[in-house]
C-alpha cells in the first residue's frame, strides 16, 4: 500500500488581498451605520429638547399672564407705585420679535414678581431670555436663558377683533382680554410654530 503525501498549503497572496478588501468593506459599512445612528440620535435629542423647552416656556408664560395685575398704570404721581402690562414689537436681527413686561403673582408662592421676556441675538442666533425680580425691589432682577436658537417669539393681544402686537396699560388702563404667545424654531429645515393662549384673570369676574 502506497502512502500518499499530504501537502498542506497556506493562503495565496490573492486570497489574502480579497479577504482584506471584504473586511474593509464590512467594517466601513458597520462604522457608517454606527455614525448615521449616532447623528440621528443626536438630532432627535436636540429637536426633542427644543419641543420640551418651548412647551415648558409657553406653559409658564401662560400661568404668569393669567396671574398678572396692574396698579395705578395711568397715575402721574411719582410717589405712587405704578405697575403695568406692556407688549412691544421689536426688530432683532432683521426679524420681528416681542418684548413683554408685566407684574404677576408668582405661581411658586405668594410673592409678586416683575417679569420680562425678550429676544437677543448672539452669533447670528436668536435666544429667548427672561428677566425676573421681586416687584417691591425692581433693582434685584436676574436674567435666565429660556431657549436658544429660535426663529421668532411673538406676543399678540385681541383688540377690536384683530390681533395686535402692542399693548400698554398706561394708555388702555386695563389688561388685555386674551394674549397669544408664539414660539417658532427650525426642525431640520421645517419651521415649527407652537402657540399658547392666556386670559388674565385677576380683577375679572370668573
C-alpha atoms as a PDB file:
ATOM      1  CA  UNK A   1       0.000   0.000   0.000  1.00  0.00           C
ATOM      2  CA  UNK A   2       1.413   3.282  -1.074  1.00  0.00           C
ATOM      3  CA  UNK A   3       1.315   6.247   1.196  1.00  0.00           C
ATOM      4  CA  UNK A   4       0.042   9.463  -0.308  1.00  0.00           C
ATOM      5  CA  UNK A   5       1.928  12.548   0.525  1.00  0.00           C
ATOM      6  CA  UNK A   6      -0.271  15.081   2.239  1.00  0.00           C
ATOM      7  CA  UNK A   7       0.614  18.538   1.067  1.00  0.00           C
ATOM      8  CA  UNK A   8      -0.638  21.376   3.304  1.00  0.00           C
ATOM      9  CA  UNK A   9      -0.632  24.748   1.745  1.00  0.00           C
ATOM     10  CA  UNK A  10      -1.468  28.276   3.137  1.00  0.00           C
ATOM     11  CA  UNK A  11      -3.442  31.174   1.650  1.00  0.00           C
ATOM     12  CA  UNK A  12      -2.229  32.682  -1.540  1.00  0.00           C
ATOM     13  CA  UNK A  13      -1.477  36.387  -1.770  1.00  0.00           C
ATOM     14  CA  UNK A  14      -4.581  36.903  -3.901  1.00  0.00           C
ATOM     15  CA  UNK A  15      -6.819  35.259  -1.270  1.00  0.00           C
ATOM     16  CA  UNK A  16      -5.340  37.433   1.474  1.00  0.00           C
ATOM     17  CA  UNK A  17      -5.918  40.612  -0.576  1.00  0.00           C
ATOM     18  CA  UNK A  18      -9.507  39.629  -1.357  1.00  0.00           C
ATOM     19  CA  UNK A  19     -10.148  38.898   2.338  1.00  0.00           C
ATOM     20  CA  UNK A  20      -8.733  42.262   3.382  1.00  0.00           C
ATOM     21  CA  UNK A  21     -10.849  44.027   0.767  1.00  0.00           C
ATOM     22  CA  UNK A  22     -14.018  42.303   2.004  1.00  0.00           C
ATOM     23  CA  UNK A  23     -13.123  43.051   5.623  1.00  0.00           C
ATOM     24  CA  UNK A  24     -12.595  46.720   4.764  1.00  0.00           C
ATOM     25  CA  UNK A  25     -15.999  46.893   3.079  1.00  0.00           C
ATOM     26  CA  UNK A  26     -17.738  45.225   6.036  1.00  0.00           C
ATOM     27  CA  UNK A  27     -16.033  47.469   8.619  1.00  0.00           C
ATOM     28  CA  UNK A  28     -16.791  50.552   6.529  1.00  0.00           C
ATOM     29  CA  UNK A  29     -20.474  49.613   6.403  1.00  0.00           C
ATOM     30  CA  UNK A  30     -20.585  48.976  10.151  1.00  0.00           C
ATOM     31  CA  UNK A  31     -18.892  52.288  11.009  1.00  0.00           C
ATOM     32  CA  UNK A  32     -21.106  54.187   8.551  1.00  0.00           C
ATOM     33  CA  UNK A  33     -24.239  52.708  10.103  1.00  0.00           C
ATOM     34  CA  UNK A  34     -22.973  53.471  13.607  1.00  0.00           C
ATOM     35  CA  UNK A  35     -22.255  57.136  12.879  1.00  0.00           C
ATOM     36  CA  UNK A  36     -25.564  57.531  10.988  1.00  0.00           C
ATOM     37  CA  UNK A  37     -27.448  56.219  14.013  1.00  0.00           C
ATOM     38  CA  UNK A  38     -25.383  58.449  16.299  1.00  0.00           C
ATOM     39  CA  UNK A  39     -26.161  61.552  14.208  1.00  0.00           C
ATOM     40  CA  UNK A  40     -29.853  60.676  14.054  1.00  0.00           C
ATOM     41  CA  UNK A  41     -29.939  60.179  17.834  1.00  0.00           C
ATOM     42  CA  UNK A  42     -28.176  63.499  18.464  1.00  0.00           C
ATOM     43  CA  UNK A  43     -30.582  65.305  16.121  1.00  0.00           C
ATOM     44  CA  UNK A  44     -33.590  63.643  17.774  1.00  0.00           C
ATOM     45  CA  UNK A  45     -32.372  64.671  21.224  1.00  0.00           C
ATOM     46  CA  UNK A  46     -31.743  68.252  20.077  1.00  0.00           C
ATOM     47  CA  UNK A  47     -35.190  68.626  18.472  1.00  0.00           C
ATOM     48  CA  UNK A  48     -36.922  66.886  21.385  1.00  0.00           C
ATOM     49  CA  UNK A  49     -35.231  69.328  23.745  1.00  0.00           C
ATOM     50  CA  UNK A  50     -36.490  72.283  21.667  1.00  0.00           C
ATOM     51  CA  UNK A  51     -40.051  70.965  21.761  1.00  0.00           C
ATOM     52  CA  UNK A  52     -39.773  70.426  25.515  1.00  0.00           C
ATOM     53  CA  UNK A  53     -38.253  73.865  26.173  1.00  0.00           C
ATOM     54  CA  UNK A  54     -40.873  75.580  24.003  1.00  0.00           C
ATOM     55  CA  UNK A  55     -43.835  73.898  25.642  1.00  0.00           C
ATOM     56  CA  UNK A  56     -42.415  74.497  29.122  1.00  0.00           C
ATOM     57  CA  UNK A  57     -41.794  78.193  28.383  1.00  0.00           C
ATOM     58  CA  UNK A  58     -45.279  78.629  26.890  1.00  0.00           C
ATOM     59  CA  UNK A  59     -46.931  76.969  29.888  1.00  0.00           C
ATOM     60  CA  UNK A  60     -45.019  79.129  32.381  1.00  0.00           C
ATOM     61  CA  UNK A  61     -45.803  82.330  30.454  1.00  0.00           C
ATOM     62  CA  UNK A  62     -49.477  81.392  30.254  1.00  0.00           C
ATOM     63  CA  UNK A  63     -49.690  80.965  34.031  1.00  0.00           C
ATOM     64  CA  UNK A  64     -47.792  84.195  34.673  1.00  0.00           C
ATOM     65  CA  UNK A  65     -50.002  86.211  32.309  1.00  0.00           C
ATOM     66  CA  UNK A  66     -53.145  84.727  33.858  1.00  0.00           C
ATOM     67  CA  UNK A  67     -51.960  85.951  37.274  1.00  0.00           C
ATOM     68  CA  UNK A  68     -50.877  89.399  36.032  1.00  0.00           C
ATOM     69  CA  UNK A  69     -52.205  92.542  37.675  1.00  0.00           C
ATOM     70  CA  UNK A  70     -51.849  96.305  37.278  1.00  0.00           C
ATOM     71  CA  UNK A  71     -51.641  99.113  39.797  1.00  0.00           C
ATOM     72  CA  UNK A  72     -52.074 102.829  39.059  1.00  0.00           C
ATOM     73  CA  UNK A  73     -50.887 102.472  35.428  1.00  0.00           C
ATOM     74  CA  UNK A  74     -52.122 105.965  34.472  1.00  0.00           C
ATOM     75  CA  UNK A  75     -51.074 107.792  37.612  1.00  0.00           C
ATOM     76  CA  UNK A  76     -48.791 110.817  37.301  1.00  0.00           C
ATOM     77  CA  UNK A  77     -47.991 110.811  40.997  1.00  0.00           C
ATOM     78  CA  UNK A  78     -44.308 109.948  41.374  1.00  0.00           C
ATOM     79  CA  UNK A  79     -44.905 108.797  44.949  1.00  0.00           C
ATOM     80  CA  UNK A  80     -47.293 106.070  43.872  1.00  0.00           C
ATOM     81  CA  UNK A  81     -46.170 102.621  42.840  1.00  0.00           C
ATOM     82  CA  UNK A  82     -47.091 102.061  39.197  1.00  0.00           C
ATOM     83  CA  UNK A  83     -47.281  98.519  37.850  1.00  0.00           C
ATOM     84  CA  UNK A  84     -48.353  97.878  34.282  1.00  0.00           C
ATOM     85  CA  UNK A  85     -48.557  95.379  31.462  1.00  0.00           C
ATOM     86  CA  UNK A  86     -46.803  96.214  28.198  1.00  0.00           C
ATOM     87  CA  UNK A  87     -46.115  94.439  24.916  1.00  0.00           C
ATOM     88  CA  UNK A  88     -43.682  95.970  22.440  1.00  0.00           C
ATOM     89  CA  UNK A  89     -42.992  94.917  18.859  1.00  0.00           C
ATOM     90  CA  UNK A  90     -39.238  94.828  18.200  1.00  0.00           C
ATOM     91  CA  UNK A  91     -36.839  94.055  15.386  1.00  0.00           C
ATOM     92  CA  UNK A  92     -33.917  91.782  16.267  1.00  0.00           C
ATOM     93  CA  UNK A  93     -31.502  90.548  13.609  1.00  0.00           C
ATOM     94  CA  UNK A  94     -33.970  91.516  10.898  1.00  0.00           C
ATOM     95  CA  UNK A  95     -36.834  89.527  12.454  1.00  0.00           C
ATOM     96  CA  UNK A  96     -39.922  90.724  14.305  1.00  0.00           C
ATOM     97  CA  UNK A  97     -39.903  89.736  17.969  1.00  0.00           C
ATOM     98  CA  UNK A  98     -41.814  90.789  21.046  1.00  0.00           C
ATOM     99  CA  UNK A  99     -40.918  92.227  24.422  1.00  0.00           C
ATOM    100  CA  UNK A 100     -43.421  91.690  27.222  1.00  0.00           C
ATOM    101  CA  UNK A 101     -43.228  93.268  30.654  1.00  0.00           C
ATOM    102  CA  UNK A 102     -45.671  92.505  33.454  1.00  0.00           C
ATOM    103  CA  UNK A 103     -46.166  92.142  37.173  1.00  0.00           C
ATOM    104  CA  UNK A 104     -47.730  88.919  38.404  1.00  0.00           C
ATOM    105  CA  UNK A 105     -48.280  86.778  41.445  1.00  0.00           C
ATOM    106  CA  UNK A 106     -45.680  84.027  41.462  1.00  0.00           C
ATOM    107  CA  UNK A 107     -47.175  80.562  40.933  1.00  0.00           C
ATOM    108  CA  UNK A 108     -44.329  79.244  43.111  1.00  0.00           C
ATOM    109  CA  UNK A 109     -45.577  81.168  46.149  1.00  0.00           C
ATOM    110  CA  UNK A 110     -47.475  84.228  47.325  1.00  0.00           C
ATOM    111  CA  UNK A 111     -44.879  86.818  46.281  1.00  0.00           C
ATOM    112  CA  UNK A 112     -45.307  89.260  43.416  1.00  0.00           C
ATOM    113  CA  UNK A 113     -42.714  89.440  40.641  1.00  0.00           C
ATOM    114  CA  UNK A 114     -41.826  91.822  37.864  1.00  0.00           C
ATOM    115  CA  UNK A 115     -41.189  89.794  34.706  1.00  0.00           C
ATOM    116  CA  UNK A 116     -39.859  90.460  31.231  1.00  0.00           C
ATOM    117  CA  UNK A 117     -39.463  88.154  28.228  1.00  0.00           C
ATOM    118  CA  UNK A 118     -37.360  89.287  25.287  1.00  0.00           C
ATOM    119  CA  UNK A 119     -35.112  88.099  22.467  1.00  0.00           C
ATOM    120  CA  UNK A 120     -31.413  88.813  21.999  1.00  0.00           C
ATOM    121  CA  UNK A 121     -29.036  87.963  19.161  1.00  0.00           C
ATOM    122  CA  UNK A 122     -25.781  86.094  19.742  1.00  0.00           C
ATOM    123  CA  UNK A 123     -23.504  84.798  16.989  1.00  0.00           C
ATOM    124  CA  UNK A 124     -26.298  85.005  14.437  1.00  0.00           C
ATOM    125  CA  UNK A 125     -28.800  83.097  16.592  1.00  0.00           C
ATOM    126  CA  UNK A 126     -31.891  84.361  18.402  1.00  0.00           C
ATOM    127  CA  UNK A 127     -32.188  83.427  22.063  1.00  0.00           C
ATOM    128  CA  UNK A 128     -35.203  83.869  24.345  1.00  0.00           C
ATOM    129  CA  UNK A 129     -34.411  85.280  27.785  1.00  0.00           C
ATOM    130  CA  UNK A 130     -36.358  86.109  30.927  1.00  0.00           C
ATOM    131  CA  UNK A 131     -35.740  88.819  33.490  1.00  0.00           C
ATOM    132  CA  UNK A 132     -37.372  88.339  36.897  1.00  0.00           C
ATOM    133  CA  UNK A 133     -37.239  90.054  40.248  1.00  0.00           C
ATOM    134  CA  UNK A 134     -39.402  90.971  43.248  1.00  0.00           C
ATOM    135  CA  UNK A 135     -41.964  93.669  42.480  1.00  0.00           C
ATOM    136  CA  UNK A 136     -41.060  95.529  45.667  1.00  0.00           C
ATOM    137  CA  UNK A 137     -37.359  95.720  44.741  1.00  0.00           C
ATOM    138  CA  UNK A 138     -37.036  96.181  40.942  1.00  0.00           C
ATOM    139  CA  UNK A 139     -33.251  96.535  41.165  1.00  0.00           C
ATOM    140  CA  UNK A 140     -32.821  92.915  42.276  1.00  0.00           C
ATOM    141  CA  UNK A 141     -33.608  91.352  38.918  1.00  0.00           C
ATOM    142  CA  UNK A 142     -31.746  88.408  37.474  1.00  0.00           C
ATOM    143  CA  UNK A 143     -31.644  87.019  33.938  1.00  0.00           C
ATOM    144  CA  UNK A 144     -32.477  83.467  32.849  1.00  0.00           C
ATOM    145  CA  UNK A 145     -31.849  81.760  29.499  1.00  0.00           C
ATOM    146  CA  UNK A 146     -35.130  80.204  28.346  1.00  0.00           C
ATOM    147  CA  UNK A 147     -34.383  78.864  24.865  1.00  0.00           C
ATOM    148  CA  UNK A 148     -31.589  79.102  22.299  1.00  0.00           C
ATOM    149  CA  UNK A 149     -31.742  79.089  18.508  1.00  0.00           C
ATOM    150  CA  UNK A 150     -35.331  80.177  17.950  1.00  0.00           C
ATOM    151  CA  UNK A 151     -36.707  81.720  14.757  1.00  0.00           C
ATOM    152  CA  UNK A 152     -39.207  84.114  16.347  1.00  0.00           C
ATOM    153  CA  UNK A 153     -41.032  84.989  19.563  1.00  0.00           C
ATOM    154  CA  UNK A 154     -44.324  86.837  19.131  1.00  0.00           C
ATOM    155  CA  UNK A 155     -46.925  88.051  21.603  1.00  0.00           C
ATOM    156  CA  UNK A 156     -50.248  89.445  20.401  1.00  0.00           C
ATOM    157  CA  UNK A 157     -53.480  90.616  22.014  1.00  0.00           C
ATOM    158  CA  UNK A 158     -57.011  90.612  20.665  1.00  0.00           C
ATOM    159  CA  UNK A 159     -58.215  94.195  20.236  1.00  0.00           C
ATOM    160  CA  UNK A 160     -61.348  95.132  18.270  1.00  0.00           C
ATOM    161  CA  UNK A 161     -61.443  91.585  16.864  1.00  0.00           C
ATOM    162  CA  UNK A 162     -57.908  91.957  15.492  1.00  0.00           C
ATOM    163  CA  UNK A 163     -54.593  90.584  16.725  1.00  0.00           C
ATOM    164  CA  UNK A 164     -52.209  93.432  17.567  1.00  0.00           C
ATOM    165  CA  UNK A 165     -48.567  93.269  18.665  1.00  0.00           C
ATOM    166  CA  UNK A 166     -48.528  96.176  21.117  1.00  0.00           C
ATOM    167  CA  UNK A 167     -50.216  96.933  24.425  1.00  0.00           C
ATOM    168  CA  UNK A 168     -49.640  99.461  27.194  1.00  0.00           C
ATOM    169  CA  UNK A 169     -51.837  99.751  30.284  1.00  0.00           C
ATOM    170  CA  UNK A 170     -50.706 103.367  30.604  1.00  0.00           C
ATOM    171  CA  UNK A 171     -52.887 104.022  27.539  1.00  0.00           C
ATOM    172  CA  UNK A 172     -55.576 101.360  27.931  1.00  0.00           C
ATOM    173  CA  UNK A 173     -55.924 101.382  31.710  1.00  0.00           C
ATOM    174  CA  UNK A 174     -56.654  97.641  31.733  1.00  0.00           C
ATOM    175  CA  UNK A 175     -55.226  94.224  30.982  1.00  0.00           C
ATOM    176  CA  UNK A 176     -55.884  92.634  27.582  1.00  0.00           C
ATOM    177  CA  UNK A 177     -58.755  90.156  27.269  1.00  0.00           C
ATOM    178  CA  UNK A 178     -56.638  87.421  25.718  1.00  0.00           C
ATOM    179  CA  UNK A 179     -52.951  87.041  24.875  1.00  0.00           C
ATOM    180  CA  UNK A 180     -51.473  84.794  22.184  1.00  0.00           C
ATOM    181  CA  UNK A 181     -47.877  83.613  22.644  1.00  0.00           C
ATOM    182  CA  UNK A 182     -45.996  82.014  19.741  1.00  0.00           C
ATOM    183  CA  UNK A 183     -42.518  80.489  19.574  1.00  0.00           C
ATOM    184  CA  UNK A 184     -41.036  79.330  16.265  1.00  0.00           C
ATOM    185  CA  UNK A 185     -37.948  77.180  15.744  1.00  0.00           C
ATOM    186  CA  UNK A 186     -36.319  75.194  12.960  1.00  0.00           C
ATOM    187  CA  UNK A 187     -36.679  71.409  12.739  1.00  0.00           C
ATOM    188  CA  UNK A 188     -34.261  70.277  10.015  1.00  0.00           C
ATOM    189  CA  UNK A 189     -35.420  72.941   7.563  1.00  0.00           C
ATOM    190  CA  UNK A 190     -39.061  72.817   8.666  1.00  0.00           C
ATOM    191  CA  UNK A 191     -40.432  75.810  10.585  1.00  0.00           C
ATOM    192  CA  UNK A 192     -42.291  74.637  13.702  1.00  0.00           C
ATOM    193  CA  UNK A 193     -44.748  77.030  15.352  1.00  0.00           C
ATOM    194  CA  UNK A 194     -46.096  76.412  18.870  1.00  0.00           C
ATOM    195  CA  UNK A 195     -48.805  78.678  20.288  1.00  0.00           C
ATOM    196  CA  UNK A 196     -50.413  79.155  23.688  1.00  0.00           C
ATOM    197  CA  UNK A 197     -53.340  81.393  24.737  1.00  0.00           C
ATOM    198  CA  UNK A 198     -53.676  83.127  28.098  1.00  0.00           C
ATOM    199  CA  UNK A 199     -56.503  85.139  29.658  1.00  0.00           C
ATOM    200  CA  UNK A 200     -55.557  87.446  32.554  1.00  0.00           C
ATOM    201  CA  UNK A 201     -57.890  86.579  35.437  1.00  0.00           C
ATOM    202  CA  UNK A 202     -57.142  88.940  38.307  1.00  0.00           C
ATOM    203  CA  UNK A 203     -59.848  91.590  38.625  1.00  0.00           C
ATOM    204  CA  UNK A 204     -62.077  89.691  36.214  1.00  0.00           C
ATOM    205  CA  UNK A 205     -65.350  88.002  37.008  1.00  0.00           C
ATOM    206  CA  UNK A 206     -64.941  84.251  36.602  1.00  0.00           C
END
